[in-house]
Amino acid sequence: MLARFLPAILRGILTFLVHILAILSVGSLVYILGLLKYLIPIKSWQRKCDRWLNTMPVLWTDINDWGMRLLTQTEIKIIGGENLTRNDWYLLTANHCSWTDVLILYRVFNHRLPVLKFFMKSQLLWVPILGWGCWLIGYPFMKRYTKEQIAKKPSLKGKDLATTKKLCQRFKQMPMTIISFAEGTRYTAEKAKRQKTPFKHLLKPRAGGLAYTLMTMEDYLHQFINVTLIYREGRYKYWDYLTGRLKQVVIIVKTQPINKEMLGDYVNDREYRVKFQEWLNQLWIEKDKEIDNYWQ
């Protein structure tokens, strides 16, 4: 393994180049398939293109995984997650520390779950190659509104729900894993202080995104996956991952069937809304304890 003989900075540069290679090569295939899909307006052909496009994240992850195994020695310890299948629909949530989370989740669940897709901020659409490539594959882009924006313009209230409903329709075409980072943003000490979070290692979870997805996809989603990401030594930045300075990541995977108690009208049913928020907060209390136990 090259990781034993190369200095950290050189490992980081080489691994970063592998990631760039993955984006450029897979991105080129995505744009070619996307172009062919829209140039030939035959539904059977377009469905076939969609199936091919949905294999692109798997290929992208395979290339990245090869580079990481060759050039770094990061240990990924997985606890739980047995009996997963690629032939079902899942809703997955996890705590959010950095962009490394996305790479780790893809690496852990590649070939174990149906293709992972998550809601992306609308600003990311303009990231070269990556943004429109993700759009062609079918990743949904959302514009989030703050409380201040809604207060200034009340017509924006409920627009997130309408957008979520519309975007979830495309997830019904084939088995999918929908990722929703319940915290809504990456954890930082500054955000935790500003938010006055009751948790030691986490931000407050936002229940709306999960509840809206469940409400829209209730006939398809069968399993809920709760993932806790624990970065030993507090190293979770992208560069730490590339250089191999991130020595170990612990992934705790808990699955449960999506039952009737988890479903309801989050907008109009206040009792359900309160119960759902309490349920999610309890998950976060347990998640915070798990992280704390490993840190100690």
Protein backbone atom coordinates (compact mmCIF):
# COMPACT_ATOMS: atom_id res chain seq x y z
CA MET A 1 0.00 0.00 0.00
CA LEU A 2 1.45 3.35 -1.10
CA ALA A 3 0.13 5.07 2.03
CA ARG A 4 2.99 3.59 4.06
CA PHE A 5 5.72 5.19 1.95
CA LEU A 6 4.34 8.60 0.92
CA PRO A 7 4.33 11.80 2.99
CA ALA A 8 0.88 13.08 3.96
CA ILE A 9 0.90 16.10 1.63
CA LEU A 10 1.80 13.94 -1.39
CA ARG A 11 -0.91 11.42 -0.46
CA GLY A 12 -3.39 14.28 -0.28
CA ILE A 13 -2.43 15.65 -3.69
CA LEU A 14 -2.57 12.23 -5.37
CA THR A 15 -5.90 11.33 -3.76
CA PHE A 16 -7.33 14.71 -4.75
CA LEU A 17 -6.24 14.04 -8.35
CA VAL A 18 -8.07 10.68 -8.23
CA HIS A 19 -11.20 12.53 -7.08
CA ILE A 20 -10.81 15.03 -9.93
CA LEU A 21 -10.34 12.14 -12.38
CA ALA A 22 -13.56 10.56 -11.07
CA ILE A 23 -15.50 13.81 -11.51
CA LEU A 24 -14.16 14.46 -15.03
CA SER A 25 -14.55 10.90 -16.35
CA VAL A 26 -17.93 10.14 -14.80
CA GLY A 27 -19.10 13.71 -15.44
CA SER A 28 -18.32 13.32 -19.15
CA LEU A 29 -20.40 10.14 -19.31
CA VAL A 30 -23.26 11.88 -17.48
CA TYR A 31 -23.30 14.80 -19.93
CA ILE A 32 -23.20 12.46 -22.94
CA LEU A 33 -26.06 10.33 -21.58
CA GLY A 34 -28.01 13.44 -20.58
CA LEU A 35 -27.63 14.89 -24.06
CA LEU A 36 -28.71 11.63 -25.71
CA LYS A 37 -31.69 11.42 -23.37
CA TYR A 38 -33.04 14.84 -24.35
CA LEU A 39 -32.15 14.57 -28.05
CA ILE A 40 -34.18 11.38 -28.48
CA PRO A 41 -37.66 12.05 -27.00
CA ILE A 42 -38.77 8.40 -26.84
CA LYS A 43 -40.00 7.41 -23.37
CA SER A 44 -38.55 3.88 -23.42
CA TRP A 45 -35.17 5.29 -24.47
CA GLN A 46 -35.31 8.01 -21.82
CA ARG A 47 -36.12 5.44 -19.12
CA LYS A 48 -33.11 3.42 -20.23
CA CYS A 49 -30.94 6.55 -20.05
CA ASP A 50 -32.25 7.21 -16.55
CA ARG A 51 -31.20 3.71 -15.48
CA TRP A 52 -27.72 4.28 -16.93
CA LEU A 53 -27.48 7.70 -15.31
CA ASN A 54 -28.35 6.15 -11.96
CA THR A 55 -25.29 3.89 -12.20
CA MET A 56 -22.97 6.90 -12.46
CA PRO A 57 -22.79 7.65 -8.69
CA VAL A 58 -21.84 3.99 -8.17
CA LEU A 59 -19.01 4.25 -10.73
CA TRP A 60 -17.87 7.59 -9.24
CA THR A 61 -17.73 6.01 -5.77
CA ASP A 62 -15.84 2.96 -7.06
CA ILE A 63 -13.10 5.19 -8.52
CA ASN A 64 -12.84 7.26 -5.35
CA ASP A 65 -12.82 4.13 -3.19
CA TRP A 66 -9.98 2.63 -5.23
CA GLY A 67 -7.92 5.79 -4.71
CA MET A 68 -8.63 5.93 -0.98
CA ARG A 69 -7.70 2.27 -0.44
CA LEU A 70 -4.50 2.66 -2.45
CA LEU A 71 -3.29 5.94 -0.97
CA THR A 72 -4.69 6.19 2.57
CA GLN A 73 -5.18 3.95 5.56
CA THR A 74 -8.38 5.38 7.02
CA GLU A 75 -10.20 2.62 8.88
CA ILE A 76 -13.98 2.65 8.50
CA LYS A 77 -15.62 0.70 11.29
CA ILE A 78 -19.27 -0.17 10.63
CA ILE A 79 -21.56 -1.18 13.49
CA GLY A 80 -24.94 -2.56 12.40
CA GLY A 81 -26.50 -2.25 8.97
CA GLU A 82 -27.13 -5.93 8.32
CA ASN A 83 -29.85 -7.12 5.93
CA LEU A 84 -29.76 -4.09 3.64
CA THR A 85 -30.92 -4.60 0.06
CA ARG A 86 -30.60 -2.74 -3.22
CA ASN A 87 -34.21 -3.51 -4.17
CA ASP A 88 -36.12 -1.27 -1.79
CA TRP A 89 -36.69 2.41 -0.97
CA TYR A 90 -34.96 3.87 2.10
CA LEU A 91 -34.93 7.17 3.95
CA LEU A 92 -31.57 7.84 5.60
CA THR A 93 -30.58 10.57 8.03
CA ALA A 94 -27.21 11.33 9.61
CA ASN A 95 -25.41 13.99 11.59
CA HIS A 96 -23.54 16.45 9.37
CA CYS A 97 -19.96 17.59 10.02
CA SER A 98 -18.43 18.34 6.61
CA TRP A 99 -18.40 17.36 2.94
CA THR A 100 -16.46 14.29 4.06
CA ASP A 101 -19.78 12.91 5.34
CA VAL A 102 -21.07 12.54 1.79
CA LEU A 103 -17.94 10.71 0.61
CA ILE A 104 -18.03 8.39 3.63
CA LEU A 105 -21.74 7.57 3.21
CA TYR A 106 -21.27 6.77 -0.48
CA ARG A 107 -18.24 4.63 0.29
CA VAL A 108 -19.97 2.68 3.08
CA PHE A 109 -23.29 2.06 1.32
CA ASN A 110 -22.11 1.67 -2.28
CA HIS A 111 -23.34 -1.72 -3.61
CA ARG A 112 -25.23 -2.23 -0.31
CA LEU A 113 -28.15 0.14 -0.89
CA PRO A 114 -29.87 1.50 -4.00
CA VAL A 115 -28.25 4.67 -5.31
CA LEU A 116 -27.99 7.42 -2.70
CA LYS A 117 -29.53 10.80 -3.51
CA PHE A 118 -29.96 13.86 -1.36
CA PHE A 119 -31.48 17.30 -1.53
CA MET A 120 -28.88 19.84 -2.63
CA LYS A 121 -28.79 23.59 -2.11
CA SER A 122 -29.76 25.46 -5.27
CA GLN A 123 -26.45 27.38 -5.22
CA LEU A 124 -24.57 24.11 -5.88
CA LEU A 125 -26.19 23.89 -9.31
CA TRP A 126 -23.54 26.35 -10.53
CA VAL A 127 -20.53 24.32 -9.38
CA PRO A 128 -18.65 23.47 -12.63
CA ILE A 129 -19.36 19.97 -14.02
CA LEU A 130 -20.67 18.70 -10.68
CA GLY A 131 -23.79 20.88 -10.40
CA TRP A 132 -25.49 20.20 -13.72
CA GLY A 133 -24.15 16.63 -13.68
CA CYS A 134 -26.05 15.99 -10.43
CA TRP A 135 -29.14 17.62 -11.93
CA LEU A 136 -28.97 15.30 -14.96
CA ILE A 137 -28.67 12.25 -12.68
CA GLY A 138 -31.78 13.39 -10.82
CA TYR A 139 -30.52 14.96 -7.61
CA PRO A 140 -33.14 17.46 -6.42
CA PHE A 141 -32.06 21.07 -5.87
CA MET A 142 -33.88 23.13 -3.26
CA LYS A 143 -33.87 26.77 -2.27
CA ARG A 144 -34.21 27.07 1.49
CA TYR A 145 -35.86 30.11 3.05
CA THR A 146 -34.94 31.54 6.43
CA LYS A 147 -37.48 32.70 9.01
CA GLU A 148 -36.46 36.28 8.23
CA GLN A 149 -37.15 35.82 4.50
CA ILE A 150 -40.56 34.27 5.21
CA ALA A 151 -41.40 37.10 7.62
CA LYS A 152 -40.63 39.65 4.91
CA LYS A 153 -42.45 37.66 2.25
CA PRO A 154 -45.19 35.41 3.78
CA SER A 155 -45.96 33.85 0.38
CA LEU A 156 -42.75 31.83 0.76
CA LYS A 157 -44.26 29.89 3.67
CA GLY A 158 -44.95 26.31 2.65
CA LYS A 159 -42.96 26.63 -0.56
CA ASP A 160 -40.39 24.14 0.76
CA LEU A 161 -43.16 21.54 1.14
CA ALA A 162 -44.48 22.14 -2.36
CA THR A 163 -40.96 21.84 -3.79
CA THR A 164 -40.27 18.67 -1.80
CA LYS A 165 -43.49 17.07 -3.06
CA LYS A 166 -42.62 17.89 -6.65
CA LEU A 167 -39.03 16.68 -6.39
CA CYS A 168 -39.93 13.43 -4.63
CA GLN A 169 -41.98 12.32 -7.63
CA ARG A 170 -38.80 11.47 -9.54
CA PHE A 171 -37.69 9.16 -6.72
CA LYS A 172 -40.62 6.83 -7.41
CA GLN A 173 -39.29 5.54 -10.72
CA MET A 174 -36.79 3.03 -9.27
CA PRO A 175 -35.45 1.91 -5.84
CA MET A 176 -33.69 4.80 -4.14
CA THR A 177 -32.03 5.84 -0.89
CA ILE A 178 -32.99 9.40 0.02
CA ILE A 179 -30.50 11.12 2.32
CA SER A 180 -31.72 13.96 4.50
CA PHE A 181 -29.28 15.67 6.85
CA ALA A 182 -31.78 16.61 9.55
CA GLU A 183 -29.58 19.37 10.98
CA GLY A 184 -29.85 21.16 7.65
CA THR A 185 -26.26 22.42 7.75
CA ARG A 186 -22.76 21.33 8.77
CA TYR A 187 -21.85 21.43 12.44
CA THR A 188 -19.50 24.17 13.66
CA ALA A 189 -18.89 25.47 17.16
CA GLU A 190 -20.08 28.90 16.02
CA LYS A 191 -23.38 27.53 14.69
CA ALA A 192 -23.89 25.48 17.86
CA LYS A 193 -23.39 28.58 20.01
CA ARG A 194 -25.66 30.73 17.87
CA GLN A 195 -28.34 28.04 17.86
CA LYS A 196 -28.00 27.33 21.61
CA THR A 197 -28.16 23.63 20.86
CA PRO A 198 -28.82 21.35 23.85
CA PHE A 199 -26.45 18.76 22.35
CA LYS A 200 -22.73 18.46 22.93
CA HIS A 201 -21.73 17.31 19.44
CA LEU A 202 -24.77 18.08 17.29
CA LEU A 203 -26.98 20.87 16.05
CA LYS A 204 -30.74 20.79 16.59
CA PRO A 205 -32.48 18.48 14.09
CA ARG A 206 -35.11 19.96 11.79
CA ALA A 207 -38.05 17.61 11.47
CA GLY A 208 -39.72 19.20 8.44
CA GLY A 209 -37.55 17.73 5.67
CA LEU A 210 -37.87 14.15 6.94
CA ALA A 211 -41.60 14.50 7.62
CA TYR A 212 -42.31 16.02 4.20
CA THR A 213 -40.37 13.24 2.46
CA LEU A 214 -42.23 10.56 4.43
CA MET A 215 -45.55 12.25 3.66
CA THR A 216 -44.80 12.42 -0.07
CA MET A 217 -43.22 8.97 -0.42
CA GLU A 218 -45.27 7.00 2.12
CA ASP A 219 -46.36 4.39 -0.44
CA TYR A 220 -42.74 3.69 -1.42
CA LEU A 221 -40.50 4.18 1.62
CA HIS A 222 -40.34 1.06 3.78
CA GLN A 223 -37.18 1.41 5.88
CA PHE A 224 -35.65 4.25 7.90
CA ILE A 225 -31.88 4.31 8.44
CA ASN A 226 -30.36 6.36 11.25
CA VAL A 227 -26.60 6.82 10.77
CA THR A 228 -24.23 8.26 13.36
CA LEU A 229 -20.89 9.45 11.97
CA ILE A 230 -18.08 9.56 14.52
CA TYR A 231 -14.71 10.99 13.49
CA ARG A 232 -12.03 9.91 15.93
CA GLU A 233 -9.62 12.64 17.06
CA GLY A 234 -12.06 15.24 15.74
CA ARG A 235 -10.57 15.08 12.24
CA TYR A 236 -13.36 15.35 9.71
CA LYS A 237 -12.16 17.93 7.20
CA TYR A 238 -11.84 16.92 3.56
CA TRP A 239 -8.06 17.42 3.57
CA ASP A 240 -7.67 15.16 6.62
CA TYR A 241 -9.54 12.46 4.71
CA LEU A 242 -7.43 12.88 1.56
CA THR A 243 -4.10 12.76 3.40
CA GLY A 244 -5.02 9.82 5.62
CA ARG A 245 -4.64 11.89 8.79
CA LEU A 246 -8.19 10.81 9.49
CA LYS A 247 -7.30 7.45 11.04
CA GLN A 248 -10.72 6.06 11.85
CA VAL A 249 -14.39 6.73 11.18
CA VAL A 250 -17.00 4.85 13.19
CA ILE A 251 -20.36 4.39 11.47
CA ILE A 252 -23.29 3.29 13.63
CA VAL A 253 -26.17 2.12 11.44
CA LYS A 254 -29.64 1.54 12.87
CA THR A 255 -32.59 0.51 10.74
CA GLN A 256 -36.28 0.35 11.52
CA PRO A 257 -39.43 -0.21 9.47
CA ILE A 258 -41.39 2.91 8.61
CA ASN A 259 -44.63 2.36 10.51
CA LYS A 260 -47.92 4.23 10.69
CA GLU A 261 -46.80 6.23 13.74
CA MET A 262 -44.08 7.86 11.61
CA LEU A 263 -46.55 9.00 8.97
CA GLY A 264 -48.98 11.91 9.07
CA ASP A 265 -49.80 15.43 7.95
CA TYR A 266 -46.90 17.49 9.28
CA VAL A 267 -48.43 20.76 8.10
CA ASN A 268 -51.99 20.54 9.43
CA ASP A 269 -51.87 17.94 12.22
CA ARG A 270 -50.32 19.67 15.25
CA GLU A 271 -50.41 16.53 17.43
CA TYR A 272 -48.53 14.52 14.81
CA ARG A 273 -46.05 17.36 14.29
CA VAL A 274 -45.21 17.51 18.02
CA LYS A 275 -44.86 13.71 18.27
CA PHE A 276 -42.62 13.57 15.21
CA GLN A 277 -40.38 16.32 16.58
CA GLU A 278 -40.15 14.53 19.93
CA TRP A 279 -39.28 11.25 18.19
CA LEU A 280 -36.51 12.91 16.15
CA ASN A 281 -35.15 14.76 19.18
CA GLN A 282 -34.93 11.44 21.03
CA LEU A 283 -32.89 10.00 18.17
CA TRP A 284 -30.55 12.98 18.47
CA ILE A 285 -30.21 12.55 22.24
CA GLU A 286 -29.13 8.94 21.69
CA LYS A 287 -26.84 9.96 18.83
CA ASP A 288 -25.14 12.60 20.99
CA LYS A 289 -24.54 10.01 23.74
CA GLU A 290 -23.04 7.55 21.24
CA ILE A 291 -20.61 10.18 19.96
CA ASP A 292 -19.71 11.20 23.51
CA ASN A 293 -19.05 7.58 24.52
CA TYR A 294 -16.59 7.10 21.65
CA TRP A 295 -14.87 10.40 22.34
CA GLN A 296 -14.31 9.36 25.94
